[in-house]
């Protein structure tokens, strides 16, 4: 699964670095999780943005990112092997 996280100035100021830290921790459990940085999704007003396999998610925080990614993985049938 490919997860792109916005690292543009607006998302950076809203805490995207902390989101990236959470995703890196999640990679230890799910080695097939690929993280990619993006400069902007053009969705700045809606908070930190993230794209998973082409679908845009907004309002991402360090508190909700792990559950969102895990839910997407469950829907795709991906395991942590």
PDB file of N, CA and C in Angstrom:
ATOM      1  N   UNK A   1       0.845  -1.175   0.000  1.00  0.00           N
ATOM      2  CA  UNK A   1       0.000   0.000   0.000  1.00  0.00           C
ATOM      3  C   UNK A   1       0.890   1.238   0.000  1.00  0.00           C
ATOM      4  N   UNK A   2       0.534   2.205  -0.824  1.00  0.00           N
ATOM      5  CA  UNK A   2       1.293   3.441  -0.933  1.00  0.00           C
ATOM      6  C   UNK A   2       0.541   4.561  -0.214  1.00  0.00           C
ATOM      7  N   UNK A   3       1.222   5.211   0.710  1.00  0.00           N
ATOM      8  CA  UNK A   3       0.656   6.336   1.454  1.00  0.00           C
ATOM      9  C   UNK A   3       1.492   7.567   1.144  1.00  0.00           C
ATOM     10  N   UNK A   4       0.832   8.582   0.572  1.00  0.00           N
ATOM     11  CA  UNK A   4       1.499   9.858   0.299  1.00  0.00           C
ATOM     12  C   UNK A   4       1.012  10.862   1.335  1.00  0.00           C
ATOM     13  N   UNK A   5       1.935  11.508   2.003  1.00  0.00           N
ATOM     14  CA  UNK A   5       1.586  12.485   3.025  1.00  0.00           C
ATOM     15  C   UNK A   5       2.065  13.860   2.582  1.00  0.00           C
ATOM     16  N   UNK A   6       1.207  14.843   2.746  1.00  0.00           N
ATOM     17  CA  UNK A   6       1.570  16.200   2.354  1.00  0.00           C
ATOM     18  C   UNK A   6       2.596  16.766   3.328  1.00  0.00           C
ATOM     19  N   UNK A   7       3.668  17.297   2.773  1.00  0.00           N
ATOM     20  CA  UNK A   7       4.713  17.925   3.568  1.00  0.00           C
ATOM     21  C   UNK A   7       4.854  19.397   3.203  1.00  0.00           C
ATOM     22  N   UNK A   8       3.858  19.933   2.509  1.00  0.00           N
ATOM     23  CA  UNK A   8       3.862  21.341   2.134  1.00  0.00           C
ATOM     24  C   UNK A   8       3.793  22.234   3.362  1.00  0.00           C
ATOM     25  N   UNK A   9       3.993  23.514   3.170  1.00  0.00           N
ATOM     26  CA  UNK A   9       4.116  24.434   4.306  1.00  0.00           C
ATOM     27  C   UNK A   9       2.877  24.454   5.200  1.00  0.00           C
ATOM     28  N   UNK A  10       1.692  24.441   4.632  1.00  0.00           N
ATOM     29  CA  UNK A  10       0.478  24.487   5.451  1.00  0.00           C
ATOM     30  C   UNK A  10       0.336  23.217   6.292  1.00  0.00           C
ATOM     31  N   UNK A  11       0.499  22.068   5.671  1.00  0.00           N
ATOM     32  CA  UNK A  11       0.393  20.810   6.411  1.00  0.00           C
ATOM     33  C   UNK A  11       1.547  20.651   7.401  1.00  0.00           C
ATOM     34  N   UNK A  12       2.721  21.121   7.022  1.00  0.00           N
ATOM     35  CA  UNK A  12       3.863  21.073   7.936  1.00  0.00           C
ATOM     36  C   UNK A  12       3.546  21.854   9.217  1.00  0.00           C
ATOM     37  N   UNK A  13       2.981  23.040   9.055  1.00  0.00           N
ATOM     38  CA  UNK A  13       2.632  23.858  10.216  1.00  0.00           C
ATOM     39  C   UNK A  13       1.528  23.222  11.055  1.00  0.00           C
ATOM     40  N   UNK A  14       0.722  22.377  10.436  1.00  0.00           N
ATOM     41  CA  UNK A  14      -0.364  21.709  11.159  1.00  0.00           C
ATOM     42  C   UNK A  14       0.075  20.383  11.781  1.00  0.00           C
ATOM     43  N   UNK A  15       1.332  19.987  11.578  1.00  0.00           N
ATOM     44  CA  UNK A  15       1.855  18.805  12.259  1.00  0.00           C
ATOM     45  C   UNK A  15       2.119  17.592  11.404  1.00  0.00           C
ATOM     46  N   UNK A  16       2.345  17.762  10.111  1.00  0.00           N
ATOM     47  CA  UNK A  16       2.569  16.589   9.261  1.00  0.00           C
ATOM     48  C   UNK A  16       3.806  15.789   9.668  1.00  0.00           C
ATOM     49  N   UNK A  17       4.793  16.442  10.287  1.00  0.00           N
ATOM     50  CA  UNK A  17       5.979  15.704  10.730  1.00  0.00           C
ATOM     51  C   UNK A  17       5.606  14.647  11.766  1.00  0.00           C
ATOM     52  N   UNK A  18       4.694  14.992  12.680  1.00  0.00           N
ATOM     53  CA  UNK A  18       4.257  14.020  13.694  1.00  0.00           C
ATOM     54  C   UNK A  18       3.477  12.876  13.051  1.00  0.00           C
ATOM     55  N   UNK A  19       2.734  13.182  12.002  1.00  0.00           N
ATOM     56  CA  UNK A  19       2.008  12.149  11.264  1.00  0.00           C
ATOM     57  C   UNK A  19       2.997  11.193  10.608  1.00  0.00           C
ATOM     58  N   UNK A  20       4.041  11.741  10.014  1.00  0.00           N
ATOM     59  CA  UNK A  20       5.071  10.915   9.388  1.00  0.00           C
ATOM     60  C   UNK A  20       5.732  10.011  10.425  1.00  0.00           C
ATOM     61  N   UNK A  21       5.995  10.534  11.610  1.00  0.00           N
ATOM     62  CA  UNK A  21       6.589   9.712  12.669  1.00  0.00           C
ATOM     63  C   UNK A  21       5.687   8.528  13.009  1.00  0.00           C
ATOM     64  N   UNK A  22       4.386   8.758  13.103  1.00  0.00           N
ATOM     65  CA  UNK A  22       3.436   7.678  13.387  1.00  0.00           C
ATOM     66  C   UNK A  22       3.426   6.646  12.263  1.00  0.00           C
ATOM     67  N   UNK A  23       3.498   7.119  11.033  1.00  0.00           N
ATOM     68  CA  UNK A  23       3.512   6.204   9.888  1.00  0.00           C
ATOM     69  C   UNK A  23       4.790   5.381   9.861  1.00  0.00           C
ATOM     70  N   UNK A  24       5.900   5.965  10.241  1.00  0.00           N
ATOM     71  CA  UNK A  24       7.166   5.207  10.293  1.00  0.00           C
ATOM     72  C   UNK A  24       7.101   4.121  11.348  1.00  0.00           C
ATOM     73  N   UNK A  25       6.465   4.419  12.474  1.00  0.00           N
ATOM     74  CA  UNK A  25       6.273   3.393  13.506  1.00  0.00           C
ATOM     75  C   UNK A  25       5.398   2.264  12.960  1.00  0.00           C
ATOM     76  N   UNK A  26       4.366   2.625  12.206  1.00  0.00           N
ATOM     77  CA  UNK A  26       3.458   1.640  11.631  1.00  0.00           C
ATOM     78  C   UNK A  26       4.162   0.758  10.605  1.00  0.00           C
ATOM     79  N   UNK A  27       5.179   1.293   9.937  1.00  0.00           N
ATOM     80  CA  UNK A  27       5.945   0.506   8.958  1.00  0.00           C
ATOM     81  C   UNK A  27       6.640  -0.678   9.620  1.00  0.00           C
ATOM     82  N   UNK A  28       6.966  -0.571  10.880  1.00  0.00           N
ATOM     83  CA  UNK A  28       7.602  -1.699  11.585  1.00  0.00           C
ATOM     84  C   UNK A  28       6.645  -2.879  11.668  1.00  0.00           C
ATOM     85  N   UNK A  29       5.362  -2.581  11.814  1.00  0.00           N
ATOM     86  CA  UNK A  29       4.329  -3.618  11.895  1.00  0.00           C
ATOM     87  C   UNK A  29       3.878  -4.078  10.503  1.00  0.00           C
ATOM     88  N   UNK A  30       3.907  -3.155   9.544  1.00  0.00           N
ATOM     89  CA  UNK A  30       3.464  -3.423   8.179  1.00  0.00           C
ATOM     90  C   UNK A  30       4.587  -3.065   7.206  1.00  0.00           C
ATOM     91  N   UNK A  31       5.533  -3.963   6.976  1.00  0.00           N
ATOM     92  CA  UNK A  31       6.671  -3.654   6.120  1.00  0.00           C
ATOM     93  C   UNK A  31       6.302  -3.355   4.664  1.00  0.00           C
ATOM     94  N   UNK A  32       5.107  -3.752   4.213  1.00  0.00           N
ATOM     95  CA  UNK A  32       4.686  -3.465   2.842  1.00  0.00           C
ATOM     96  C   UNK A  32       4.143  -2.052   2.680  1.00  0.00           C
ATOM     97  N   UNK A  33       4.060  -1.303   3.759  1.00  0.00           N
ATOM     98  CA  UNK A  33       3.578   0.068   3.727  1.00  0.00           C
ATOM     99  C   UNK A  33       4.664   0.978   3.159  1.00  0.00           C
ATOM    100  N   UNK A  34       4.359   1.626   2.056  1.00  0.00           N
ATOM    101  CA  UNK A  34       5.315   2.530   1.410  1.00  0.00           C
ATOM    102  C   UNK A  34       4.904   3.963   1.691  1.00  0.00           C
ATOM    103  N   UNK A  35       5.848   4.762   2.187  1.00  0.00           N
ATOM    104  CA  UNK A  35       5.596   6.166   2.481  1.00  0.00           C
ATOM    105  C   UNK A  35       6.240   7.035   1.420  1.00  0.00           C
ATOM    106  N   UNK A  36       5.478   8.022   0.951  1.00  0.00           N
ATOM    107  CA  UNK A  36       5.964   8.950  -0.047  1.00  0.00           C
ATOM    108  C   UNK A  36       5.567  10.353   0.395  1.00  0.00           C
ATOM    109  N   UNK A  37       6.499  11.297   0.304  1.00  0.00           N
ATOM    110  CA  UNK A  37       6.189  12.683   0.620  1.00  0.00           C
ATOM    111  C   UNK A  37       5.657  13.404  -0.607  1.00  0.00           C
ATOM    112  N   UNK A  38       4.795  14.369  -0.363  1.00  0.00           N
ATOM    113  CA  UNK A  38       4.246  15.183  -1.435  1.00  0.00           C
ATOM    114  C   UNK A  38       4.285  16.637  -0.993  1.00  0.00           C
ATOM    115  N   UNK A  39       4.479  17.546  -1.923  1.00  0.00           N
ATOM    116  CA  UNK A  39       4.552  18.952  -1.541  1.00  0.00           C
ATOM    117  C   UNK A  39       3.182  19.575  -1.330  1.00  0.00           C
ATOM    118  N   UNK A  40       2.174  19.189  -2.082  1.00  0.00           N
ATOM    119  CA  UNK A  40       0.856  19.774  -1.869  1.00  0.00           C
ATOM    120  C   UNK A  40      -0.185  19.006  -2.665  1.00  0.00           C
ATOM    121  N   UNK A  41      -1.331  18.789  -2.042  1.00  0.00           N
ATOM    122  CA  UNK A  41      -2.468  18.182  -2.724  1.00  0.00           C
ATOM    123  C   UNK A  41      -3.504  19.240  -3.105  1.00  0.00           C
ATOM    124  N   UNK A  42      -3.223  20.506  -2.795  1.00  0.00           N
ATOM    125  CA  UNK A  42      -4.161  21.574  -3.094  1.00  0.00           C
ATOM    126  C   UNK A  42      -5.389  21.551  -2.207  1.00  0.00           C
ATOM    127  N   UNK A  43      -5.246  21.000  -1.030  1.00  0.00           N
ATOM    128  CA  UNK A  43      -6.356  20.823  -0.103  1.00  0.00           C
ATOM    129  C   UNK A  43      -6.010  21.432   1.258  1.00  0.00           C
ATOM    130  N   UNK A  44      -5.262  22.523   1.239  1.00  0.00           N
ATOM    131  CA  UNK A  44      -4.674  23.102   2.444  1.00  0.00           C
ATOM    132  C   UNK A  44      -5.701  23.494   3.505  1.00  0.00           C
ATOM    133  N   UNK A  45      -6.839  23.955   3.099  1.00  0.00           N
ATOM    134  CA  UNK A  45      -7.836  24.435   4.051  1.00  0.00           C
ATOM    135  C   UNK A  45      -8.393  23.315   4.935  1.00  0.00           C
ATOM    136  N   UNK A  46      -8.279  22.077   4.470  1.00  0.00           N
ATOM    137  CA  UNK A  46      -8.853  20.944   5.198  1.00  0.00           C
ATOM    138  C   UNK A  46      -7.850  20.205   6.075  1.00  0.00           C
ATOM    139  N   UNK A  47      -6.775  20.849   6.418  1.00  0.00           N
ATOM    140  CA  UNK A  47      -5.821  20.235   7.330  1.00  0.00           C
ATOM    141  C   UNK A  47      -4.830  19.337   6.630  1.00  0.00           C
ATOM    142  N   UNK A  48      -4.154  18.557   7.379  1.00  0.00           N
ATOM    143  CA  UNK A  48      -3.153  17.662   6.809  1.00  0.00           C
ATOM    144  C   UNK A  48      -3.855  16.683   5.873  1.00  0.00           C
ATOM    145  N   UNK A  49      -3.292  16.550   4.682  1.00  0.00           N
ATOM    146  CA  UNK A  49      -3.865  15.654   3.675  1.00  0.00           C
ATOM    147  C   UNK A  49      -2.948  14.468   3.424  1.00  0.00           C
ATOM    148  N   UNK A  50      -3.572  13.368   3.054  1.00  0.00           N
ATOM    149  CA  UNK A  50      -2.852  12.130   2.806  1.00  0.00           C
ATOM    150  C   UNK A  50      -3.590  11.406   1.691  1.00  0.00           C
ATOM    151  N   UNK A  51      -2.847  10.733   0.854  1.00  0.00           N
ATOM    152  CA  UNK A  51      -3.439   9.953  -0.226  1.00  0.00           C
ATOM    153  C   UNK A  51      -3.044   8.498  -0.052  1.00  0.00           C
ATOM    154  N   UNK A  52      -4.037   7.629  -0.100  1.00  0.00           N
ATOM    155  CA  UNK A  52      -3.775   6.195   0.000  1.00  0.00           C
ATOM    156  C   UNK A  52      -4.287   5.545  -1.264  1.00  0.00           C
ATOM    157  N   UNK A  53      -3.371   4.992  -2.030  1.00  0.00           N
ATOM    158  CA  UNK A  53      -3.712   4.321  -3.291  1.00  0.00           C
ATOM    159  C   UNK A  53      -4.661   5.168  -4.141  1.00  0.00           C
ATOM    160  N   UNK A  54      -4.371   6.463  -4.232  1.00  0.00           N
ATOM    161  CA  UNK A  54      -5.132   7.355  -5.091  1.00  0.00           C
ATOM    162  C   UNK A  54      -6.318   8.044  -4.454  1.00  0.00           C
ATOM    163  N   UNK A  55      -6.702   7.677  -3.239  1.00  0.00           N
ATOM    164  CA  UNK A  55      -7.845   8.300  -2.555  1.00  0.00           C
ATOM    165  C   UNK A  55      -7.337   9.331  -1.541  1.00  0.00           C
ATOM    166  N   UNK A  56      -7.879  10.552  -1.605  1.00  0.00           N
ATOM    167  CA  UNK A  56      -7.448  11.643  -0.739  1.00  0.00           C
ATOM    168  C   UNK A  56      -8.204  11.621   0.586  1.00  0.00           C
ATOM    169  N   UNK A  57      -7.450  11.763   1.675  1.00  0.00           N
ATOM    170  CA  UNK A  57      -8.008  11.866   3.023  1.00  0.00           C
ATOM    171  C   UNK A  57      -7.569  13.198   3.599  1.00  0.00           C
ATOM    172  N   UNK A  58      -8.469  13.881   4.319  1.00  0.00           N
ATOM    173  CA  UNK A  58      -8.167  15.178   4.905  1.00  0.00           C
ATOM    174  C   UNK A  58      -8.394  15.143   6.406  1.00  0.00           C
ATOM    175  N   UNK A  59      -7.869  16.151   7.085  1.00  0.00           N
ATOM    176  CA  UNK A  59      -8.035  16.231   8.535  1.00  0.00           C
ATOM    177  C   UNK A  59      -7.221  15.188   9.276  1.00  0.00           C
ATOM    178  N   UNK A  60      -6.109  14.786   8.688  1.00  0.00           N
ATOM    179  CA  UNK A  60      -5.256  13.768   9.279  1.00  0.00           C
ATOM    180  C   UNK A  60      -4.488  14.373  10.448  1.00  0.00           C
ATOM    181  N   UNK A  61      -4.400  13.604  11.529  1.00  0.00           N
ATOM    182  CA  UNK A  61      -3.618  14.010  12.701  1.00  0.00           C
ATOM    183  C   UNK A  61      -2.785  12.827  13.163  1.00  0.00           C
ATOM    184  N   UNK A  62      -1.845  13.107  14.058  1.00  0.00           N
ATOM    185  CA  UNK A  62      -1.057  12.021  14.643  1.00  0.00           C
ATOM    186  C   UNK A  62      -1.963  11.076  15.437  1.00  0.00           C
ATOM    187  N   UNK A  63      -3.102  11.583  15.875  1.00  0.00           N
ATOM    188  CA  UNK A  63      -4.031  10.775  16.657  1.00  0.00           C
ATOM    189  C   UNK A  63      -4.930   9.866  15.835  1.00  0.00           C
ATOM    190  N   UNK A  64      -5.165  10.195  14.560  1.00  0.00           N
ATOM    191  CA  UNK A  64      -6.083   9.361  13.775  1.00  0.00           C
ATOM    192  C   UNK A  64      -5.443   8.638  12.597  1.00  0.00           C
ATOM    193  N   UNK A  65      -4.210   8.958  12.274  1.00  0.00           N
ATOM    194  CA  UNK A  65      -3.599   8.411  11.060  1.00  0.00           C
ATOM    195  C   UNK A  65      -3.430   6.894  11.101  1.00  0.00           C
ATOM    196  N   UNK A  66      -3.047   6.347  12.235  1.00  0.00           N
ATOM    197  CA  UNK A  66      -2.806   4.899  12.313  1.00  0.00           C
ATOM    198  C   UNK A  66      -4.099   4.134  12.066  1.00  0.00           C
ATOM    199  N   UNK A  67      -5.188   4.557  12.690  1.00  0.00           N
ATOM    200  CA  UNK A  67      -6.457   3.858  12.505  1.00  0.00           C
ATOM    201  C   UNK A  67      -6.956   3.969  11.069  1.00  0.00           C
ATOM    202  N   UNK A  68      -6.779   5.120  10.450  1.00  0.00           N
ATOM    203  CA  UNK A  68      -7.211   5.294   9.056  1.00  0.00           C
ATOM    204  C   UNK A  68      -6.432   4.360   8.136  1.00  0.00           C
ATOM    205  N   UNK A  69      -5.125   4.301   8.303  1.00  0.00           N
ATOM    206  CA  UNK A  69      -4.299   3.442   7.454  1.00  0.00           C
ATOM    207  C   UNK A  69      -4.622   1.972   7.705  1.00  0.00           C
ATOM    208  N   UNK A  70      -4.772   1.584   8.967  1.00  0.00           N
ATOM    209  CA  UNK A  70      -5.104   0.189   9.269  1.00  0.00           C
ATOM    210  C   UNK A  70      -6.454  -0.200   8.680  1.00  0.00           C
ATOM    211  N   UNK A  71      -7.426   0.709   8.733  1.00  0.00           N
ATOM    212  CA  UNK A  71      -8.742   0.434   8.161  1.00  0.00           C
ATOM    213  C   UNK A  71      -8.636   0.242   6.645  1.00  0.00           C
ATOM    214  N   UNK A  72      -7.845   1.068   5.990  1.00  0.00           N
ATOM    215  CA  UNK A  72      -7.633   0.918   4.544  1.00  0.00           C
ATOM    216  C   UNK A  72      -6.966  -0.412   4.230  1.00  0.00           C
ATOM    217  N   UNK A  73      -6.042  -0.815   5.063  1.00  0.00           N
ATOM    218  CA  UNK A  73      -5.360  -2.100   4.854  1.00  0.00           C
ATOM    219  C   UNK A  73      -6.327  -3.259   5.040  1.00  0.00           C
ATOM    220  N   UNK A  74      -7.190  -3.157   6.043  1.00  0.00           N
ATOM    221  CA  UNK A  74      -8.178  -4.219   6.253  1.00  0.00           C
ATOM    222  C   UNK A  74      -9.093  -4.338   5.040  1.00  0.00           C
ATOM    223  N   UNK A  75      -9.536  -3.194   4.503  1.00  0.00           N
ATOM    224  CA  UNK A  75     -10.420  -3.208   3.345  1.00  0.00           C
ATOM    225  C   UNK A  75      -9.745  -3.830   2.125  1.00  0.00           C
ATOM    226  N   UNK A  76      -8.434  -3.625   2.001  1.00  0.00           N
ATOM    227  CA  UNK A  76      -7.690  -4.196   0.879  1.00  0.00           C
ATOM    228  C   UNK A  76      -7.290  -5.644   1.126  1.00  0.00           C
ATOM    229  N   UNK A  77      -7.446  -6.093   2.376  1.00  0.00           N
ATOM    230  CA  UNK A  77      -7.064  -7.455   2.703  1.00  0.00           C
ATOM    231  C   UNK A  77      -5.579  -7.635   2.909  1.00  0.00           C
ATOM    232  N   UNK A  78      -4.886  -6.544   3.225  1.00  0.00           N
ATOM    233  CA  UNK A  78      -3.440  -6.619   3.456  1.00  0.00           C
ATOM    234  C   UNK A  78      -3.187  -6.963   4.912  1.00  0.00           C
ATOM    235  N   UNK A  79      -2.161  -7.770   5.128  1.00  0.00           N
ATOM    236  CA  UNK A  79      -1.779  -8.143   6.499  1.00  0.00           C
ATOM    237  C   UNK A  79      -0.442  -7.502   6.828  1.00  0.00           C
ATOM    238  N   UNK A  80      -0.011  -7.748   8.036  1.00  0.00           N
ATOM    239  CA  UNK A  80       1.275  -7.173   8.454  1.00  0.00           C
ATOM    240  C   UNK A  80       2.426  -8.146   8.254  1.00  0.00           C
ATOM    241  N   UNK A  81       2.266  -9.078   7.328  1.00  0.00           N
ATOM    242  CA  UNK A  81       3.356 -10.017   7.024  1.00  0.00           C
ATOM    243  C   UNK A  81       4.211  -9.487   5.911  1.00  0.00           C
TER     244      UNK A  81
END
